Protein backbone atom coordinates (compact mmCIF):
# COMPACT_ATOMS: atom_id res chain seq x y z
CA MET A 1 16.39 92.37 150.03
CA PHE A 2 14.46 90.67 147.21
CA SER A 3 15.34 87.01 147.63
CA VAL A 4 15.00 84.25 145.03
CA SER A 5 11.87 83.09 146.66
CA GLU A 6 9.85 86.22 146.34
CA ILE A 7 7.22 86.20 143.59
CA GLY A 8 4.20 88.31 142.60
CA ILE A 9 0.96 86.74 141.37
CA ASP A 10 -1.78 88.45 139.29
CA LEU A 11 -4.67 86.14 139.94
CA GLY A 12 -6.92 87.47 137.10
CA THR A 13 -10.32 86.27 135.94
CA ALA A 14 -9.03 85.78 132.41
CA ASN A 15 -5.25 85.15 132.89
CA ILE A 16 -2.88 84.23 135.69
CA LEU A 17 0.54 85.85 135.55
CA VAL A 18 3.50 85.17 137.80
CA TYR A 19 6.51 87.60 138.19
CA SER A 20 9.86 86.96 139.55
CA LYS A 21 12.46 89.76 139.86
CA GLN A 22 15.17 87.54 138.23
CA LYS A 23 13.32 86.54 135.16
CA GLY A 24 10.31 89.05 134.87
CA ILE A 25 7.09 87.34 133.79
CA VAL A 26 7.64 83.58 134.05
CA ILE A 27 4.07 82.46 133.68
CA ASN A 28 1.25 84.03 131.60
CA GLU A 29 -1.64 81.57 131.10
CA PRO A 30 -5.43 81.69 131.00
CA SER A 31 -7.11 81.08 134.35
CA VAL A 32 -8.80 77.84 133.04
CA VAL A 33 -8.91 74.42 134.52
CA ALA A 34 -10.03 71.16 132.84
CA ILE A 35 -11.62 68.78 135.37
CA ASP A 36 -12.90 65.24 135.21
CA THR A 37 -16.39 65.62 136.81
CA GLU A 38 -16.47 61.98 138.02
CA THR A 39 -13.07 61.85 139.69
CA LYS A 40 -12.79 65.60 140.38
CA GLN A 41 -9.23 65.24 139.08
CA VAL A 42 -7.51 68.28 137.43
CA LEU A 43 -6.48 67.20 133.94
CA ALA A 44 -5.09 70.41 132.55
CA VAL A 45 -4.39 74.07 133.52
CA GLY A 46 -3.83 77.19 131.44
CA PHE A 47 -3.43 77.12 127.73
CA GLU A 48 -4.01 73.37 127.52
CA ALA A 49 -7.33 73.79 129.34
CA LYS A 50 -8.36 76.83 127.32
CA HIS A 51 -8.12 74.86 124.11
CA MET A 52 -10.61 72.46 125.62
CA ILE A 53 -13.36 74.98 126.21
CA GLY A 54 -16.45 73.92 124.32
CA LYS A 55 -14.63 70.83 122.82
CA THR A 56 -14.59 68.26 125.61
CA PRO A 57 -16.49 65.04 126.14
CA GLY A 58 -19.34 65.06 128.70
CA LYS A 59 -17.38 64.12 131.79
CA ILE A 60 -14.59 66.61 131.20
CA VAL A 61 -15.35 70.31 131.85
CA ALA A 62 -13.19 73.29 131.28
CA ILE A 63 -14.00 75.92 133.98
CA ARG A 64 -12.76 79.22 135.02
CA PRO A 65 -12.56 79.07 138.86
CA LEU A 66 -12.32 82.95 139.22
CA LYS A 67 -15.34 85.11 138.51
CA ASP A 68 -15.40 88.88 138.50
CA GLY A 69 -11.82 88.92 139.91
CA VAL A 70 -12.67 86.78 142.95
CA ILE A 71 -12.61 83.14 143.69
CA ALA A 72 -15.81 81.31 142.63
CA ASP A 73 -14.54 77.75 143.23
CA TYR A 74 -12.05 77.60 146.08
CA ASP A 75 -10.81 73.91 145.69
CA VAL A 76 -10.31 74.34 141.93
CA THR A 77 -8.48 77.61 142.36
CA THR A 78 -6.17 75.95 144.91
CA GLU A 79 -5.47 73.08 142.43
CA MET A 80 -4.77 75.56 139.68
CA LEU A 81 -2.42 77.53 141.88
CA LYS A 82 -0.49 74.37 142.88
CA ALA A 83 -0.12 73.44 139.26
CA ILE A 84 1.03 77.02 138.34
CA MET A 85 3.49 76.94 141.29
CA LYS A 86 4.97 73.69 139.86
CA LYS A 87 5.51 75.28 136.54
CA VAL A 88 7.14 78.30 138.18
CA SER A 89 9.68 76.24 140.06
CA LYS A 90 10.55 74.34 136.76
CA LYS A 91 11.00 77.74 134.95
CA LEU A 92 13.05 79.29 137.58
CA GLY A 93 15.29 76.21 137.72
CA PHE A 94 15.00 75.58 141.46
CA SER A 95 12.47 74.27 143.84
CA ILE A 96 10.61 77.18 145.40
CA ARG A 97 10.63 76.36 149.03
CA LYS A 98 8.13 78.50 150.98
CA PRO A 99 8.24 81.68 148.80
CA ASP A 100 7.05 85.08 149.89
CA VAL A 101 4.14 85.88 147.62
CA VAL A 102 2.33 89.15 146.86
CA VAL A 103 -1.15 88.65 145.33
CA CYS A 104 -3.46 91.33 144.02
CA THR A 105 -7.16 91.59 144.94
CA PRO A 106 -9.84 93.77 143.40
CA SER A 107 -10.30 96.91 145.43
CA GLY A 108 -14.08 96.12 145.87
CA SER A 109 -13.46 92.64 147.24
CA THR A 110 -14.93 91.78 150.65
CA SER A 111 -12.84 90.54 153.59
CA VAL A 112 -14.25 86.99 153.01
CA GLU A 113 -13.11 87.08 149.26
CA ARG A 114 -9.66 88.33 150.40
CA ARG A 115 -9.37 85.72 152.91
CA ALA A 116 -10.20 83.10 150.33
CA ILE A 117 -7.41 84.32 148.07
CA HIS A 118 -4.91 84.50 150.96
CA ASP A 119 -5.76 80.93 152.04
CA ALA A 120 -5.69 79.52 148.52
CA VAL A 121 -2.13 80.92 148.05
CA LYS A 122 -1.11 79.85 151.50
CA HIS A 123 -2.16 76.26 150.60
CA THR A 124 0.37 76.12 147.78
CA GLY A 125 3.16 76.23 150.30
CA ALA A 126 3.80 80.00 150.55
CA LYS A 127 5.63 81.26 153.60
CA ASN A 128 4.09 84.78 153.75
CA VAL A 129 1.28 85.99 151.59
CA HIS A 130 0.87 89.82 151.23
CA LEU A 131 -2.36 91.11 149.48
CA ILE A 132 -2.22 94.33 147.52
CA GLU A 133 -5.06 96.20 145.80
CA GLU A 134 -5.08 95.66 142.09
CA PRO A 135 -5.03 99.34 141.06
CA VAL A 136 -2.03 99.91 143.32
CA ALA A 137 -0.18 97.00 141.65
CA ALA A 138 -1.14 98.34 138.18
CA ALA A 139 0.15 101.67 139.15
CA ILE A 140 3.51 100.29 140.28
CA GLY A 141 3.74 98.08 137.27
CA SER A 142 3.18 101.06 134.99
CA GLY A 143 5.97 102.98 136.64
CA LEU A 144 3.92 105.60 138.42
CA PRO A 145 5.38 107.21 141.54
CA VAL A 146 2.85 105.65 143.98
CA ASP A 147 4.80 106.43 147.13
CA GLU A 148 4.77 110.19 146.47
CA PRO A 149 1.96 112.54 147.55
CA ILE A 150 0.80 112.98 143.97
CA ALA A 151 -2.46 111.88 142.43
CA ASN A 152 -1.95 108.83 140.18
CA VAL A 153 -5.20 107.76 138.50
CA VAL A 154 -5.33 104.12 137.19
CA VAL A 155 -8.14 102.53 135.20
CA ASP A 156 -7.50 98.79 135.09
CA ILE A 157 -9.90 97.02 132.68
CA GLY A 158 -9.48 93.27 133.32
CA GLY A 159 -11.44 90.20 132.33
CA GLY A 160 -13.94 90.28 135.13
CA THR A 161 -13.72 93.73 136.73
CA THR A 162 -12.83 97.33 135.96
CA GLU A 163 -10.88 99.09 138.78
CA VAL A 164 -10.60 102.78 138.87
CA ALA A 165 -8.53 104.37 141.60
CA ILE A 166 -6.79 107.50 142.67
CA ILE A 167 -3.56 106.58 144.40
CA SER A 168 -1.38 108.92 146.50
CA PHE A 169 1.36 108.21 149.03
CA GLY A 170 1.20 104.44 148.52
CA GLY A 171 -2.58 104.10 149.29
CA VAL A 172 -5.92 104.28 147.55
CA VAL A 173 -7.48 107.70 148.05
CA THR A 174 -10.75 106.82 146.39
CA ALA A 175 -11.72 103.81 144.20
CA ASN A 176 -14.52 102.22 142.26
CA SER A 177 -14.72 98.55 141.24
CA ILE A 178 -17.38 97.40 138.90
CA ARG A 179 -17.86 93.79 137.83
CA ILE A 180 -17.66 94.73 134.08
CA GLY A 181 -14.68 93.90 131.97
CA GLY A 182 -13.47 92.18 128.89
CA ASP A 183 -15.77 89.14 129.61
CA SER A 184 -18.84 91.49 129.66
CA LEU A 185 -17.91 92.78 126.23
CA ASP A 186 -17.54 89.19 124.82
CA ASP A 187 -20.95 88.43 126.33
CA ASP A 188 -22.46 91.58 124.78
CA ILE A 189 -21.19 90.31 121.35
CA ILE A 190 -22.57 86.78 121.89
CA GLN A 191 -25.99 88.13 122.81
CA TYR A 192 -26.00 90.60 119.93
CA VAL A 193 -25.17 88.01 117.26
CA ARG A 194 -27.78 85.64 118.74
CA LYS A 195 -30.50 88.32 118.72
CA THR A 196 -29.70 89.81 115.34
CA TYR A 197 -28.58 86.82 113.34
CA ASN A 198 -30.05 83.85 115.21
CA VAL A 199 -26.61 82.45 115.33
CA LEU A 200 -24.86 81.04 118.38
CA ILE A 201 -21.11 81.70 118.78
CA GLY A 202 -18.76 80.62 121.58
CA GLU A 203 -16.72 82.63 124.04
CA ARG A 204 -13.48 82.21 122.08
CA THR A 205 -15.10 83.40 118.94
CA ALA A 206 -16.60 86.42 120.60
CA GLU A 207 -13.15 87.39 122.11
CA GLN A 208 -11.61 87.02 118.58
CA ILE A 209 -14.30 89.36 117.15
CA LYS A 210 -13.62 91.92 119.88
CA ILE A 211 -9.83 91.82 119.22
CA GLU A 212 -10.12 91.99 115.53
CA ILE A 213 -13.03 94.38 114.81
CA GLY A 214 -13.99 95.72 118.31
CA TYR A 215 -13.86 99.46 118.69
CA ALA A 216 -14.61 101.99 121.57
CA LEU A 217 -17.36 104.49 120.89
CA ILE A 218 -15.48 106.43 118.23
CA ASP A 219 -15.95 107.05 114.46
CA HIS A 220 -13.69 104.78 112.44
CA GLU A 221 -13.41 103.24 109.05
CA GLU A 222 -15.68 100.25 108.96
CA GLU A 223 -14.05 96.76 109.01
CA THR A 224 -15.71 93.42 108.50
CA MET A 225 -15.06 89.82 109.62
CA GLU A 226 -16.50 86.54 108.65
CA VAL A 227 -17.65 84.48 111.72
CA ARG A 228 -18.89 80.89 111.94
CA GLY A 229 -21.55 79.82 114.41
CA ARG A 230 -24.52 77.51 114.79
CA ASP A 231 -27.88 78.58 113.23
CA LEU A 232 -30.39 78.49 115.88
CA VAL A 233 -33.28 77.69 113.58
CA THR A 234 -31.72 74.82 111.46
CA GLY A 235 -29.12 73.73 114.02
CA LEU A 236 -26.53 73.71 111.20
CA PRO A 237 -23.22 75.62 111.01
CA LYS A 238 -23.55 78.97 109.37
CA THR A 239 -21.09 81.74 108.30
CA ILE A 240 -22.08 85.47 108.78
CA THR A 241 -20.34 88.72 108.07
CA LEU A 242 -20.11 91.23 110.94
CA LYS A 243 -19.35 94.98 110.78
CA SER A 244 -17.11 96.82 113.26
CA THR A 245 -19.77 99.43 113.74
CA GLU A 246 -22.34 96.97 114.87
CA ILE A 247 -19.97 95.37 117.30
CA ARG A 248 -19.04 98.79 118.69
CA ASP A 249 -22.81 99.47 119.23
CA ALA A 250 -23.28 96.00 120.88
CA MET A 251 -20.60 96.89 123.47
CA LYS A 252 -21.96 100.39 124.07
CA GLU A 253 -23.69 99.80 127.31
CA SER A 254 -20.79 98.09 129.10
CA LEU A 255 -18.36 100.76 127.85
CA LEU A 256 -20.68 103.51 129.19
CA HIS A 257 -20.65 101.79 132.63
CA ILE A 258 -16.78 101.88 132.63
CA LEU A 259 -16.89 105.59 131.75
CA GLU A 260 -19.46 106.12 134.61
CA ALA A 261 -17.08 104.41 137.07
CA ILE A 262 -14.19 106.72 135.98
CA ARG A 263 -16.34 109.81 136.21
CA ALA A 264 -17.63 108.81 139.69
CA THR A 265 -13.99 108.18 140.92
CA LEU A 266 -12.83 111.58 139.54
CA GLU A 267 -15.71 113.36 141.18
CA ASN A 268 -14.64 111.95 144.57
CA CYS A 269 -11.18 113.23 144.19
CA PRO A 270 -9.99 115.53 146.98
CA PRO A 271 -9.56 119.10 145.57
CA GLU A 272 -5.85 119.10 146.52
CA LEU A 273 -5.18 116.32 144.12
CA SER A 274 -7.38 117.56 141.14
CA GLY A 275 -4.71 119.69 139.75
CA ASP A 276 -2.37 116.74 139.52
CA ILE A 277 -5.01 114.78 137.53
CA VAL A 278 -5.41 117.55 134.95
CA GLU A 279 -1.75 117.70 134.58
CA ARG A 280 -0.82 113.99 134.76
CA GLY A 281 -3.98 112.41 133.42
CA VAL A 282 -5.15 108.76 133.62
CA MET A 283 -3.17 105.53 133.05
CA LEU A 284 -4.91 102.73 131.31
CA THR A 285 -3.94 99.07 132.05
CA GLY A 286 -5.47 95.60 131.70
CA GLY A 287 -6.43 93.66 128.61
CA GLY A 288 -9.47 96.05 127.99
CA ALA A 289 -6.90 98.93 127.46
CA LEU A 290 -6.10 97.28 124.20
CA LEU A 291 -9.52 97.77 122.61
CA LYS A 292 -9.10 99.96 119.53
CA GLY A 293 -9.90 103.58 120.10
CA ILE A 294 -10.46 103.39 123.89
CA LYS A 295 -7.72 105.84 124.70
CA GLU A 296 -9.06 108.46 122.24
CA TRP A 297 -12.71 107.95 123.31
CA LEU A 298 -11.91 108.29 127.14
CA SER A 299 -9.73 111.43 126.71
CA LYS A 300 -12.53 113.10 124.75
CA GLU A 301 -15.17 112.14 127.39
CA ILE A 302 -13.28 113.02 130.61
CA ILE A 303 -11.17 115.83 129.08
CA VAL A 304 -7.88 114.85 130.76
CA PRO A 305 -4.84 113.19 129.14
CA VAL A 306 -5.15 109.39 128.88
CA HIS A 307 -1.96 107.24 128.68
CA LEU A 308 -1.64 103.62 127.83
CA SER A 309 0.57 101.56 130.01
CA GLU A 310 3.74 100.25 128.30
CA GLN A 311 2.62 96.58 129.02
CA PRO A 312 -1.07 96.82 129.78
CA LEU A 313 -1.54 93.06 130.20
CA GLU A 314 1.42 92.59 132.47
CA ALA A 315 1.37 95.77 134.45
CA VAL A 316 -0.40 94.30 137.50
CA ALA A 317 1.79 91.21 137.63
CA ILE A 318 4.97 93.45 137.39
CA GLY A 319 3.46 95.60 140.06
CA THR A 320 2.86 92.72 142.43
CA GLY A 321 6.41 91.55 141.95
CA LYS A 322 7.82 95.12 142.58
CA ALA A 323 5.36 95.66 145.45
CA LEU A 324 7.45 93.84 148.09
CA GLN A 325 9.87 96.68 148.32
CA PHE A 326 6.96 99.11 148.56
CA ILE A 327 5.20 97.03 151.23
CA HIS A 328 8.31 97.05 153.34
CA LYS A 329 8.91 100.71 152.76
CA LEU A 330 5.27 101.64 153.59
CA GLN A 331 5.19 99.45 156.66
CA LYS A 332 8.29 101.35 157.86
CA ALA A 333 6.64 104.58 157.14
CA ALA A 334 3.55 103.49 159.13
CA LYS A 335 5.64 102.67 162.18
């Protein structure tokens, strides 16, 4: 049975989410840590640290310890997880003693990267740590029947990676993981504004632009947005007006890479499962699934129905939480 001390963690590049069966999503915070570079002390985690990005004095740096869905800085990730676990035990109103934890890993991660994730979670005092592939967690969290012999296609566009997988009978039949996600789109916008307007904008501003006037490669009614940044010629603050069409074009290359990964995965699909895909279509999850027009654009390009998960941002976390029953079930089936 699902005991009180069983939790699921979505250790994402952009956000870290923790799910418990009793209370659902208990933590949803940015994967950012503020550190004092002199003492190596962790000063803040999550929202508190995100608000510090680009605004801190010299000796305090706000960093994201996860890059492209995997651990870039092991010690800082461990500290961040410890801080998150403290918050979880406060929220759940009990001290989590040695919980069972399910954590997701990108399907393209190496055994060394998986080991690092496993060890980092174990260091927070977890009793057992189960790893589950991100697309499988996203499929479970989106309510797809992953344990049945039917093709379930999931496209999970996260902050650091995009995972495309065909899942059947509890496992990944074929998958592609590319290190392009929401962060790449933000970066495209920063580079575009820099090249075209000679203005430097920060990560948070780029993300805001993407959310407000970012579109997938579809025709739409043009929208505009005023943006402030630093003029690279004069060094002074400057306000510019951006159009949604130019932002769409700035993100074009990254979006086409995502489309390519989806096509490559569908091409590797066993013929027996192809019929299911035509009928059931593709499930979109992750923060990138919220980009305006992406559902319409993808269904036009791959000519199969495209569905948006009910809770795209939380699907992976919900899936990790619910995965424990699947893990026990699948382990029994494997015996």
